[in-house]
Amino acid sequence: MLGLFAQIKTFFLTLLLGLIAGMVFHYYQLTVRALRAGRYSLYLLDISIWGLMILLISIGMLLISQGELRIYFFVFLIAGGFIYFKLLSSKMKKPLQAMATASEKGLRKIVILLQKPIQWARQRIRNWRQKRPPAPPPADIEP
């Protein structure tokens, strides 16, 4: 059984993990807004953020309580996110907005760099199809 100090430490570390998770989610919201992502790219982004959040929370759980799950862990995790959005999100919006804008510009550059080889290959295939000689007419077969 954990002593009082160990339980208080676990509470505050879990609250801190909730604050960090809230900040990551806030950054994600600002990034999606800056990207103006389409439906399918938004699906991909949603899956990625939830994968990242699961990884972040799982590692936090392992470090804080050696993976032991208690109901207060979830209560303080949610409370940390709530505290972040009620008290800290307005103060963190400007730096997170700058990070989101920088991420958006970086992602757009990466997409442009990845699109160039694909467009080049498509153009080569179109040119190759247009230059192919027509198929010979079928031979007339007399019975």
N, C-alpha and C. Protein backbone atom coordinates (compact mmCIF):
# COMPACT_ATOMS: atom_id res chain seq x y z
N MET A 1 0.84 -1.18 0.00
CA MET A 1 0.00 0.00 0.00
C MET A 1 0.89 1.24 0.00
N LEU A 2 0.50 2.21 -0.79
CA LEU A 2 1.26 3.44 -0.90
C LEU A 2 1.04 4.33 0.32
N GLY A 3 2.13 5.02 0.70
CA GLY A 3 2.01 5.98 1.79
C GLY A 3 1.33 7.24 1.31
N LEU A 4 1.03 8.13 2.23
CA LEU A 4 0.32 9.35 1.91
C LEU A 4 1.11 10.22 0.94
N PHE A 5 2.42 10.37 1.20
CA PHE A 5 3.24 11.21 0.32
C PHE A 5 3.29 10.63 -1.09
N ALA A 6 3.40 9.32 -1.21
CA ALA A 6 3.45 8.69 -2.53
C ALA A 6 2.13 8.89 -3.28
N GLN A 7 1.02 8.84 -2.57
CA GLN A 7 -0.28 9.05 -3.21
C GLN A 7 -0.44 10.49 -3.67
N ILE A 8 -0.01 11.44 -2.83
CA ILE A 8 -0.09 12.86 -3.21
C ILE A 8 0.79 13.12 -4.42
N LYS A 9 1.98 12.53 -4.42
CA LYS A 9 2.90 12.68 -5.56
C LYS A 9 2.25 12.12 -6.82
N THR A 10 1.61 10.95 -6.71
CA THR A 10 0.93 10.34 -7.85
C THR A 10 -0.20 11.23 -8.35
N PHE A 11 -0.97 11.81 -7.43
CA PHE A 11 -2.06 12.72 -7.82
C PHE A 11 -1.52 13.89 -8.63
N PHE A 12 -0.49 14.54 -8.11
CA PHE A 12 0.03 15.73 -8.80
C PHE A 12 0.71 15.39 -10.12
N LEU A 13 1.40 14.26 -10.18
CA LEU A 13 2.01 13.86 -11.45
C LEU A 13 0.94 13.51 -12.49
N THR A 14 -0.15 12.90 -12.03
CA THR A 14 -1.25 12.59 -12.95
C THR A 14 -1.93 13.86 -13.42
N LEU A 15 -2.09 14.83 -12.51
CA LEU A 15 -2.65 16.12 -12.88
C LEU A 15 -1.75 16.81 -13.91
N LEU A 16 -0.45 16.73 -13.71
CA LEU A 16 0.51 17.30 -14.67
C LEU A 16 0.41 16.60 -16.02
N LEU A 17 0.25 15.29 -16.01
CA LEU A 17 0.07 14.55 -17.26
C LEU A 17 -1.20 14.99 -17.97
N GLY A 18 -2.26 15.26 -17.22
CA GLY A 18 -3.50 15.78 -17.81
C GLY A 18 -3.29 17.16 -18.42
N LEU A 19 -2.50 18.01 -17.75
CA LEU A 19 -2.19 19.33 -18.30
C LEU A 19 -1.42 19.20 -19.62
N ILE A 20 -0.46 18.29 -19.65
CA ILE A 20 0.34 18.07 -20.87
C ILE A 20 -0.55 17.53 -21.99
N ALA A 21 -1.42 16.58 -21.65
CA ALA A 21 -2.34 16.03 -22.65
C ALA A 21 -3.27 17.11 -23.19
N GLY A 22 -3.74 17.99 -22.31
CA GLY A 22 -4.58 19.10 -22.75
C GLY A 22 -3.84 20.03 -23.70
N MET A 23 -2.56 20.29 -23.39
CA MET A 23 -1.76 21.16 -24.26
C MET A 23 -1.54 20.51 -25.63
N VAL A 24 -1.28 19.22 -25.64
CA VAL A 24 -1.09 18.51 -26.92
C VAL A 24 -2.37 18.57 -27.74
N PHE A 25 -3.51 18.37 -27.09
CA PHE A 25 -4.78 18.41 -27.80
C PHE A 25 -5.07 19.82 -28.31
N HIS A 26 -4.75 20.85 -27.53
CA HIS A 26 -4.94 22.24 -27.95
C HIS A 26 -4.07 22.55 -29.17
N TYR A 27 -2.82 22.10 -29.13
CA TYR A 27 -1.91 22.28 -30.27
C TYR A 27 -2.49 21.59 -31.51
N TYR A 28 -3.03 20.39 -31.33
CA TYR A 28 -3.62 19.66 -32.45
C TYR A 28 -4.80 20.43 -33.04
N GLN A 29 -5.67 20.98 -32.19
CA GLN A 29 -6.81 21.75 -32.68
C GLN A 29 -6.35 22.95 -33.50
N LEU A 30 -5.34 23.66 -33.01
CA LEU A 30 -4.84 24.84 -33.72
C LEU A 30 -4.17 24.44 -35.03
N THR A 31 -3.48 23.31 -35.04
CA THR A 31 -2.82 22.85 -36.26
C THR A 31 -3.85 22.45 -37.31
N VAL A 32 -4.90 21.75 -36.92
CA VAL A 32 -5.95 21.35 -37.86
C VAL A 32 -6.62 22.59 -38.44
N ARG A 33 -6.86 23.59 -37.59
CA ARG A 33 -7.46 24.83 -38.07
C ARG A 33 -6.55 25.53 -39.07
N ALA A 34 -5.24 25.54 -38.80
CA ALA A 34 -4.29 26.20 -39.70
C ALA A 34 -4.17 25.44 -41.02
N LEU A 35 -4.25 24.11 -40.95
CA LEU A 35 -4.11 23.29 -42.17
C LEU A 35 -5.34 23.35 -43.06
N ARG A 36 -6.51 23.58 -42.47
CA ARG A 36 -7.77 23.49 -43.22
C ARG A 36 -7.81 22.15 -43.98
N ALA A 37 -7.62 21.09 -43.23
CA ALA A 37 -7.49 19.75 -43.80
C ALA A 37 -8.82 19.26 -44.36
N GLY A 38 -8.72 18.46 -45.42
CA GLY A 38 -9.89 17.82 -46.00
C GLY A 38 -10.35 16.65 -45.14
N ARG A 39 -11.42 16.03 -45.56
CA ARG A 39 -12.02 14.97 -44.75
C ARG A 39 -11.07 13.80 -44.53
N TYR A 40 -10.48 13.27 -45.59
CA TYR A 40 -9.65 12.08 -45.46
C TYR A 40 -8.33 12.37 -44.76
N SER A 41 -7.75 13.53 -45.03
CA SER A 41 -6.52 13.87 -44.32
C SER A 41 -6.83 14.13 -42.85
N LEU A 42 -8.02 14.63 -42.55
CA LEU A 42 -8.41 14.83 -41.15
C LEU A 42 -8.57 13.49 -40.44
N TYR A 43 -9.09 12.48 -41.14
CA TYR A 43 -9.17 11.14 -40.55
C TYR A 43 -7.77 10.65 -40.18
N LEU A 44 -6.83 10.82 -41.08
CA LEU A 44 -5.45 10.39 -40.83
C LEU A 44 -4.85 11.16 -39.65
N LEU A 45 -5.09 12.46 -39.61
CA LEU A 45 -4.58 13.27 -38.50
C LEU A 45 -5.22 12.86 -37.17
N ASP A 46 -6.52 12.57 -37.18
CA ASP A 46 -7.20 12.14 -35.96
C ASP A 46 -6.62 10.82 -35.44
N ILE A 47 -6.41 9.88 -36.34
CA ILE A 47 -5.83 8.60 -35.93
C ILE A 47 -4.44 8.81 -35.36
N SER A 48 -3.65 9.68 -36.00
CA SER A 48 -2.29 9.92 -35.51
C SER A 48 -2.30 10.57 -34.13
N ILE A 49 -3.17 11.57 -33.91
CA ILE A 49 -3.17 12.24 -32.60
C ILE A 49 -3.63 11.30 -31.51
N TRP A 50 -4.62 10.47 -31.81
CA TRP A 50 -5.06 9.55 -30.76
C TRP A 50 -4.02 8.48 -30.50
N GLY A 51 -3.30 8.06 -31.51
CA GLY A 51 -2.19 7.14 -31.28
C GLY A 51 -1.12 7.77 -30.41
N LEU A 52 -0.80 9.03 -30.70
CA LEU A 52 0.19 9.76 -29.90
C LEU A 52 -0.30 9.94 -28.46
N MET A 53 -1.58 10.28 -28.29
CA MET A 53 -2.11 10.48 -26.94
C MET A 53 -2.11 9.16 -26.15
N ILE A 54 -2.47 8.07 -26.80
CA ILE A 54 -2.45 6.77 -26.12
C ILE A 54 -1.03 6.44 -25.69
N LEU A 55 -0.06 6.68 -26.57
CA LEU A 55 1.34 6.43 -26.23
C LEU A 55 1.79 7.33 -25.08
N LEU A 56 1.46 8.61 -25.15
CA LEU A 56 1.85 9.57 -24.11
C LEU A 56 1.26 9.19 -22.76
N ILE A 57 -0.02 8.88 -22.72
CA ILE A 57 -0.69 8.54 -21.46
C ILE A 57 -0.18 7.20 -20.94
N SER A 58 0.04 6.24 -21.82
CA SER A 58 0.54 4.93 -21.38
C SER A 58 1.93 5.04 -20.78
N ILE A 59 2.81 5.78 -21.43
CA ILE A 59 4.15 5.97 -20.88
C ILE A 59 4.07 6.72 -19.56
N GLY A 60 3.21 7.73 -19.50
CA GLY A 60 3.01 8.46 -18.24
C GLY A 60 2.52 7.54 -17.13
N MET A 61 1.56 6.66 -17.45
CA MET A 61 1.05 5.71 -16.46
C MET A 61 2.15 4.80 -15.96
N LEU A 62 2.97 4.31 -16.89
CA LEU A 62 4.05 3.42 -16.49
C LEU A 62 5.06 4.13 -15.59
N LEU A 63 5.38 5.37 -15.91
CA LEU A 63 6.36 6.10 -15.11
C LEU A 63 5.79 6.54 -13.76
N ILE A 64 4.53 6.92 -13.73
CA ILE A 64 3.94 7.44 -12.49
C ILE A 64 3.57 6.32 -11.53
N SER A 65 2.85 5.31 -12.02
CA SER A 65 2.33 4.29 -11.10
C SER A 65 2.67 2.87 -11.53
N GLN A 66 3.71 2.71 -12.30
CA GLN A 66 4.14 1.39 -12.79
C GLN A 66 3.00 0.65 -13.50
N GLY A 67 2.13 1.39 -14.16
CA GLY A 67 1.06 0.81 -14.95
C GLY A 67 -0.16 0.42 -14.14
N GLU A 68 -0.15 0.68 -12.85
CA GLU A 68 -1.29 0.34 -12.00
C GLU A 68 -2.41 1.34 -12.23
N LEU A 69 -3.57 0.84 -12.61
CA LEU A 69 -4.70 1.72 -12.90
C LEU A 69 -5.62 1.82 -11.70
N ARG A 70 -5.92 3.04 -11.36
CA ARG A 70 -6.90 3.33 -10.30
C ARG A 70 -7.87 4.36 -10.87
N ILE A 71 -9.03 4.45 -10.29
CA ILE A 71 -10.03 5.39 -10.79
C ILE A 71 -9.55 6.82 -10.65
N TYR A 72 -8.80 7.11 -9.60
CA TYR A 72 -8.34 8.49 -9.41
C TYR A 72 -7.37 8.90 -10.51
N PHE A 73 -6.72 7.93 -11.13
CA PHE A 73 -5.82 8.26 -12.24
C PHE A 73 -6.61 8.94 -13.36
N PHE A 74 -7.75 8.36 -13.72
CA PHE A 74 -8.57 8.94 -14.78
C PHE A 74 -9.21 10.26 -14.34
N VAL A 75 -9.62 10.33 -13.07
CA VAL A 75 -10.23 11.56 -12.55
C VAL A 75 -9.22 12.71 -12.63
N PHE A 76 -8.00 12.48 -12.16
CA PHE A 76 -7.00 13.54 -12.17
C PHE A 76 -6.48 13.83 -13.58
N LEU A 77 -6.47 12.84 -14.43
CA LEU A 77 -6.08 13.06 -15.82
C LEU A 77 -7.09 13.99 -16.50
N ILE A 78 -8.36 13.71 -16.34
CA ILE A 78 -9.41 14.55 -16.91
C ILE A 78 -9.40 15.93 -16.25
N ALA A 79 -9.18 15.96 -14.93
CA ALA A 79 -9.13 17.24 -14.22
C ALA A 79 -7.97 18.09 -14.73
N GLY A 80 -6.83 17.46 -15.03
CA GLY A 80 -5.69 18.20 -15.57
C GLY A 80 -6.02 18.82 -16.92
N GLY A 81 -6.68 18.06 -17.78
CA GLY A 81 -7.10 18.60 -19.08
C GLY A 81 -8.10 19.73 -18.92
N PHE A 82 -9.04 19.56 -17.99
CA PHE A 82 -10.04 20.59 -17.73
C PHE A 82 -9.37 21.87 -17.20
N ILE A 83 -8.45 21.72 -16.26
CA ILE A 83 -7.73 22.88 -15.72
C ILE A 83 -6.95 23.58 -16.82
N TYR A 84 -6.32 22.79 -17.70
CA TYR A 84 -5.57 23.42 -18.79
C TYR A 84 -6.49 24.27 -19.65
N PHE A 85 -7.62 23.71 -20.07
CA PHE A 85 -8.50 24.45 -20.98
C PHE A 85 -9.19 25.63 -20.29
N LYS A 86 -9.45 25.54 -18.99
CA LYS A 86 -10.11 26.65 -18.30
C LYS A 86 -9.12 27.76 -17.91
N LEU A 87 -7.91 27.40 -17.49
CA LEU A 87 -6.99 28.41 -16.94
C LEU A 87 -5.81 28.74 -17.84
N LEU A 88 -5.24 27.75 -18.49
CA LEU A 88 -3.97 27.97 -19.19
C LEU A 88 -4.10 28.13 -20.70
N SER A 89 -5.19 27.68 -21.28
CA SER A 89 -5.26 27.68 -22.75
C SER A 89 -5.21 29.09 -23.33
N SER A 90 -5.79 30.06 -22.64
CA SER A 90 -5.75 31.44 -23.17
C SER A 90 -4.33 32.00 -23.14
N LYS A 91 -3.54 31.61 -22.14
CA LYS A 91 -2.15 32.08 -22.06
C LYS A 91 -1.25 31.34 -23.05
N MET A 92 -1.59 30.12 -23.37
CA MET A 92 -0.75 29.31 -24.25
C MET A 92 -1.16 29.40 -25.71
N LYS A 93 -2.25 30.10 -26.01
CA LYS A 93 -2.75 30.12 -27.38
C LYS A 93 -1.75 30.74 -28.35
N LYS A 94 -1.14 31.86 -27.97
CA LYS A 94 -0.23 32.54 -28.89
C LYS A 94 1.00 31.68 -29.24
N PRO A 95 1.72 31.12 -28.25
CA PRO A 95 2.86 30.28 -28.63
C PRO A 95 2.45 29.01 -29.38
N LEU A 96 1.33 28.42 -28.97
CA LEU A 96 0.88 27.21 -29.67
C LEU A 96 0.40 27.53 -31.08
N GLN A 97 -0.19 28.72 -31.26
CA GLN A 97 -0.61 29.15 -32.60
C GLN A 97 0.60 29.32 -33.50
N ALA A 98 1.68 29.90 -32.96
CA ALA A 98 2.91 30.05 -33.74
C ALA A 98 3.48 28.68 -34.11
N MET A 99 3.45 27.74 -33.16
CA MET A 99 3.94 26.39 -33.46
C MET A 99 3.05 25.71 -34.50
N ALA A 100 1.74 25.90 -34.40
CA ALA A 100 0.82 25.29 -35.35
C ALA A 100 1.03 25.85 -36.75
N THR A 101 1.25 27.17 -36.85
CA THR A 101 1.50 27.78 -38.16
C THR A 101 2.80 27.27 -38.75
N ALA A 102 3.83 27.16 -37.92
CA ALA A 102 5.12 26.63 -38.40
C ALA A 102 4.96 25.18 -38.85
N SER A 103 4.20 24.40 -38.10
CA SER A 103 3.97 23.00 -38.47
C SER A 103 3.21 22.91 -39.79
N GLU A 104 2.23 23.80 -39.95
CA GLU A 104 1.43 23.81 -41.18
C GLU A 104 2.32 24.12 -42.38
N LYS A 105 3.19 25.10 -42.25
CA LYS A 105 4.09 25.44 -43.36
C LYS A 105 5.05 24.30 -43.66
N GLY A 106 5.58 23.67 -42.62
CA GLY A 106 6.47 22.54 -42.81
C GLY A 106 5.78 21.37 -43.48
N LEU A 107 4.56 21.05 -43.03
CA LEU A 107 3.81 19.95 -43.64
C LEU A 107 3.48 20.23 -45.10
N ARG A 108 3.12 21.47 -45.40
CA ARG A 108 2.83 21.82 -46.80
C ARG A 108 4.07 21.64 -47.67
N LYS A 109 5.24 22.05 -47.17
CA LYS A 109 6.48 21.88 -47.94
C LYS A 109 6.78 20.40 -48.16
N ILE A 110 6.57 19.59 -47.13
CA ILE A 110 6.81 18.15 -47.27
C ILE A 110 5.87 17.55 -48.30
N VAL A 111 4.60 17.94 -48.26
CA VAL A 111 3.62 17.42 -49.23
C VAL A 111 4.01 17.83 -50.64
N ILE A 112 4.43 19.08 -50.82
CA ILE A 112 4.85 19.55 -52.15
C ILE A 112 6.05 18.75 -52.64
N LEU A 113 7.01 18.51 -51.75
CA LEU A 113 8.19 17.73 -52.14
C LEU A 113 7.82 16.29 -52.50
N LEU A 114 6.84 15.72 -51.81
CA LEU A 114 6.42 14.35 -52.11
C LEU A 114 5.56 14.28 -53.37
N GLN A 115 4.85 15.37 -53.69
CA GLN A 115 3.99 15.37 -54.87
C GLN A 115 4.79 15.46 -56.16
N LYS A 116 5.94 16.11 -56.14
CA LYS A 116 6.71 16.30 -57.38
C LYS A 116 7.09 14.98 -58.04
N PRO A 117 7.66 14.00 -57.33
CA PRO A 117 7.97 12.73 -58.00
C PRO A 117 6.73 11.99 -58.50
N ILE A 118 5.64 12.10 -57.76
CA ILE A 118 4.41 11.43 -58.18
C ILE A 118 3.87 12.07 -59.46
N GLN A 119 3.87 13.39 -59.53
CA GLN A 119 3.42 14.08 -60.73
C GLN A 119 4.34 13.77 -61.91
N TRP A 120 5.64 13.69 -61.67
CA TRP A 120 6.59 13.37 -62.73
C TRP A 120 6.30 11.98 -63.28
N ALA A 121 6.05 11.00 -62.39
CA ALA A 121 5.76 9.63 -62.83
C ALA A 121 4.44 9.57 -63.60
N ARG A 122 3.43 10.28 -63.15
CA ARG A 122 2.15 10.30 -63.87
C ARG A 122 2.33 10.87 -65.27
N GLN A 123 3.09 11.95 -65.39
CA GLN A 123 3.31 12.57 -66.69
C GLN A 123 4.05 11.61 -67.62
N ARG A 124 5.04 10.90 -67.09
CA ARG A 124 5.78 9.91 -67.91
C ARG A 124 4.85 8.81 -68.40
N ILE A 125 3.98 8.34 -67.53
CA ILE A 125 3.05 7.27 -67.92
C ILE A 125 2.09 7.77 -68.99
N ARG A 126 1.57 8.99 -68.83
CA ARG A 126 0.67 9.56 -69.85
C ARG A 126 1.38 9.69 -71.19
N ASN A 127 2.60 10.20 -71.18
CA ASN A 127 3.37 10.34 -72.42
C ASN A 127 3.62 8.98 -73.06
N TRP A 128 3.93 7.99 -72.26
CA TRP A 128 4.20 6.66 -72.79
C TRP A 128 2.94 6.08 -73.43
N ARG A 129 1.78 6.28 -72.80
CA ARG A 129 0.53 5.76 -73.35
C ARG A 129 0.17 6.45 -74.66
N GLN A 130 0.44 7.74 -74.77
CA GLN A 130 0.10 8.47 -75.99
C GLN A 130 1.02 8.10 -77.14
N LYS A 131 2.26 7.74 -76.88
CA LYS A 131 3.22 7.44 -77.94
C LYS A 131 3.16 5.99 -78.40
N ARG A 132 2.41 5.15 -77.72
CA ARG A 132 2.32 3.75 -78.12
C ARG A 132 1.68 3.65 -79.49
N PRO A 133 2.18 2.77 -80.33
CA PRO A 133 1.53 2.59 -81.63
C PRO A 133 0.16 1.93 -81.44
N PRO A 134 -0.76 2.22 -82.35
CA PRO A 134 -2.09 1.61 -82.22
C PRO A 134 -2.00 0.10 -82.43
N ALA A 135 -2.92 -0.59 -81.86
CA ALA A 135 -2.96 -2.04 -81.99
C ALA A 135 -3.28 -2.40 -83.44
N PRO A 136 -2.67 -3.45 -83.97
CA PRO A 136 -2.96 -3.84 -85.35
C PRO A 136 -4.40 -4.33 -85.47
N PRO A 137 -5.00 -4.12 -86.66
CA PRO A 137 -6.38 -4.59 -86.84
C PRO A 137 -6.40 -6.11 -86.82
N PRO A 138 -7.49 -6.68 -86.38
CA PRO A 138 -7.58 -8.14 -86.35
C PRO A 138 -7.57 -8.69 -87.78
N ALA A 139 -6.94 -9.82 -87.93
CA ALA A 139 -6.86 -10.45 -89.26
C ALA A 139 -8.23 -11.01 -89.63
N ASP A 140 -8.54 -10.85 -90.93
CA ASP A 140 -9.82 -11.39 -91.40
C ASP A 140 -9.66 -12.89 -91.59
N ILE A 141 -10.52 -13.61 -90.96
CA ILE A 141 -10.47 -15.07 -91.07
C ILE A 141 -11.69 -15.50 -91.88
N GLU A 142 -11.41 -16.24 -92.99
CA GLU A 142 -12.50 -16.71 -93.82
C GLU A 142 -12.80 -18.16 -93.47
N PRO A 143 -14.06 -18.48 -93.32
CA PRO A 143 -14.41 -19.88 -93.00
C PRO A 143 -14.32 -20.81 -94.16
